[in-house]
Amino acid sequence: MAKEPKKKVTKPVAASEAAPTKKPAPARKAPAAKSAKPAGTSAKKPAAKPAAPRKTAATAKAPAASRTRKAAAPTAVSPEQRYRMIQDAAYYIAERHGFTGDNHAFWLQAEQEIDSQLAAK
């Protein structure tokens, strides 16, 4: 049997025995110097601005046309968006058929459906 080397066991040091660490004192701001006012001068407030004229009932309301929301113009579908729409539609058609059948036929059917939907818009 070979002798195993002894492991050195260290005792944890209590917090009171540990060397105290000093934290640097926070920097203090110098007090702001007060400006000396000459004797006999008083601080005057600047003159207040005149109030804005009040709006009358006729000018307060905006024209009715500007408040109505304009209908958004139909946006054209990019070729990439059309492709993705067809791709999704072909997937759902194939799913309805249990993913058995002709993938090309599913794609063509999806193309027809998407093109008819886009033409209706």
Protein backbone atom coordinates (compact mmCIF):
# COMPACT_ATOMS: atom_id res chain seq x y z
CA MET A 1 0.00 0.00 0.00
CA ALA A 2 1.23 3.40 -0.99
CA LYS A 3 0.90 6.22 1.43
CA GLU A 4 -1.29 9.09 0.31
CA PRO A 5 0.09 12.54 0.88
CA LYS A 6 -1.62 14.45 3.65
CA LYS A 7 -3.92 17.20 2.52
CA LYS A 8 -3.38 20.52 4.12
CA VAL A 9 -6.52 21.60 5.94
CA THR A 10 -7.06 25.30 6.34
CA LYS A 11 -9.36 26.76 8.92
CA PRO A 12 -11.76 29.47 7.76
CA VAL A 13 -10.80 32.84 9.16
CA ALA A 14 -13.47 34.63 11.15
CA ALA A 15 -14.50 38.03 9.91
CA SER A 16 -13.23 39.67 13.09
CA GLU A 17 -9.78 38.14 12.61
CA ALA A 18 -9.47 39.14 8.95
CA ALA A 19 -7.57 42.28 8.10
CA PRO A 20 -9.99 45.17 7.74
CA THR A 21 -10.23 46.65 4.28
CA LYS A 22 -10.63 50.37 3.89
CA LYS A 23 -12.92 51.81 1.29
CA PRO A 24 -11.91 55.12 -0.19
CA ALA A 25 -13.90 58.02 1.17
CA PRO A 26 -16.43 59.41 -1.31
CA ALA A 27 -15.37 62.58 -3.03
CA ARG A 28 -17.03 65.66 -1.60
CA LYS A 29 -18.24 68.51 -3.71
CA ALA A 30 -16.99 71.93 -2.85
CA PRO A 31 -19.80 74.21 -1.69
CA ALA A 32 -20.96 76.57 -4.40
CA ALA A 33 -19.74 80.08 -3.90
CA LYS A 34 -22.55 82.53 -3.32
CA SER A 35 -22.40 85.59 -5.43
CA ALA A 36 -22.13 88.73 -3.45
CA LYS A 37 -24.83 91.25 -4.31
CA PRO A 38 -23.98 94.87 -4.07
CA ALA A 39 -25.89 96.69 -1.38
CA GLY A 40 -28.99 98.51 -2.51
CA THR A 41 -29.78 96.29 -5.51
CA SER A 42 -32.79 94.07 -5.45
CA ALA A 43 -33.52 91.12 -7.65
CA LYS A 44 -36.27 92.12 -10.05
CA LYS A 45 -38.37 89.55 -11.83
CA PRO A 46 -38.48 89.85 -15.60
CA ALA A 47 -41.76 91.07 -17.07
CA ALA A 48 -44.26 88.31 -17.75
CA LYS A 49 -45.15 87.50 -21.34
CA PRO A 50 -48.62 88.49 -22.44
CA ALA A 51 -51.12 85.63 -22.56
CA ALA A 52 -51.87 84.11 -25.94
CA PRO A 53 -55.25 85.05 -27.38
CA ARG A 54 -57.97 82.51 -26.70
CA LYS A 55 -59.47 80.61 -29.56
CA THR A 56 -63.09 81.19 -30.33
CA ALA A 57 -65.51 78.37 -31.07
CA ALA A 58 -65.19 78.99 -34.81
CA THR A 59 -61.39 78.70 -34.85
CA ALA A 60 -61.12 75.93 -32.25
CA LYS A 61 -62.73 73.25 -34.41
CA ALA A 62 -60.78 71.71 -37.24
CA PRO A 63 -62.54 71.07 -40.53
CA ALA A 64 -64.41 67.77 -40.61
CA ALA A 65 -62.45 66.56 -43.64
CA SER A 66 -59.13 66.58 -41.78
CA ARG A 67 -60.54 64.51 -38.91
CA THR A 68 -61.81 61.68 -41.08
CA ARG A 69 -59.49 58.81 -41.73
CA LYS A 70 -58.56 58.28 -45.33
CA ALA A 71 -58.96 54.80 -46.76
CA ALA A 72 -55.62 53.13 -47.32
CA ALA A 73 -54.76 52.56 -50.94
CA PRO A 74 -54.46 48.87 -51.82
CA THR A 75 -50.83 47.90 -51.67
CA ALA A 76 -49.35 45.66 -54.28
CA VAL A 77 -48.07 42.29 -53.12
CA SER A 78 -44.41 41.67 -53.86
CA PRO A 79 -43.43 38.49 -55.72
CA GLU A 80 -41.81 37.17 -52.55
CA GLN A 81 -44.99 37.71 -50.53
CA ARG A 82 -47.05 36.01 -53.25
CA TYR A 83 -44.68 33.04 -53.27
CA ARG A 84 -44.94 32.63 -49.50
CA MET A 85 -48.72 32.88 -49.64
CA ILE A 86 -48.83 30.14 -52.28
CA GLN A 87 -46.39 28.05 -50.26
CA ASP A 88 -48.60 28.24 -47.16
CA ALA A 89 -51.77 27.51 -49.13
CA ALA A 90 -50.16 24.50 -50.83
CA TYR A 91 -49.16 23.13 -47.44
CA TYR A 92 -52.70 23.35 -46.11
CA ILE A 93 -54.12 21.76 -49.27
CA ALA A 94 -51.64 18.89 -48.92
CA GLU A 95 -52.56 18.57 -45.24
CA ARG A 96 -56.24 18.20 -46.15
CA HIS A 97 -55.26 15.33 -48.46
CA GLY A 98 -53.19 13.62 -45.76
CA PHE A 99 -49.89 14.62 -47.45
CA THR A 100 -50.50 11.99 -50.12
CA GLY A 101 -50.84 12.94 -53.74
CA ASP A 102 -49.15 15.12 -56.30
CA ASN A 103 -47.25 18.05 -54.75
CA HIS A 104 -47.22 19.86 -58.09
CA ALA A 105 -51.01 19.66 -58.30
CA PHE A 106 -51.29 21.08 -54.77
CA TRP A 107 -49.01 23.96 -55.77
CA LEU A 108 -51.02 24.76 -58.88
CA GLN A 109 -54.28 24.71 -56.92
CA ALA A 110 -52.77 27.03 -54.31
CA GLU A 111 -51.58 29.39 -57.07
CA GLN A 112 -55.08 29.61 -58.50
CA GLU A 113 -56.63 30.31 -55.09
CA ILE A 114 -54.10 32.99 -54.14
CA ASP A 115 -54.25 34.69 -57.54
CA SER A 116 -58.05 34.84 -57.38
CA GLN A 117 -57.88 36.31 -53.85
CA LEU A 118 -55.35 38.94 -54.91
CA ALA A 119 -57.40 39.87 -57.99
CA ALA A 120 -60.49 40.40 -55.82
CA LYS A 121 -58.70 43.00 -53.67
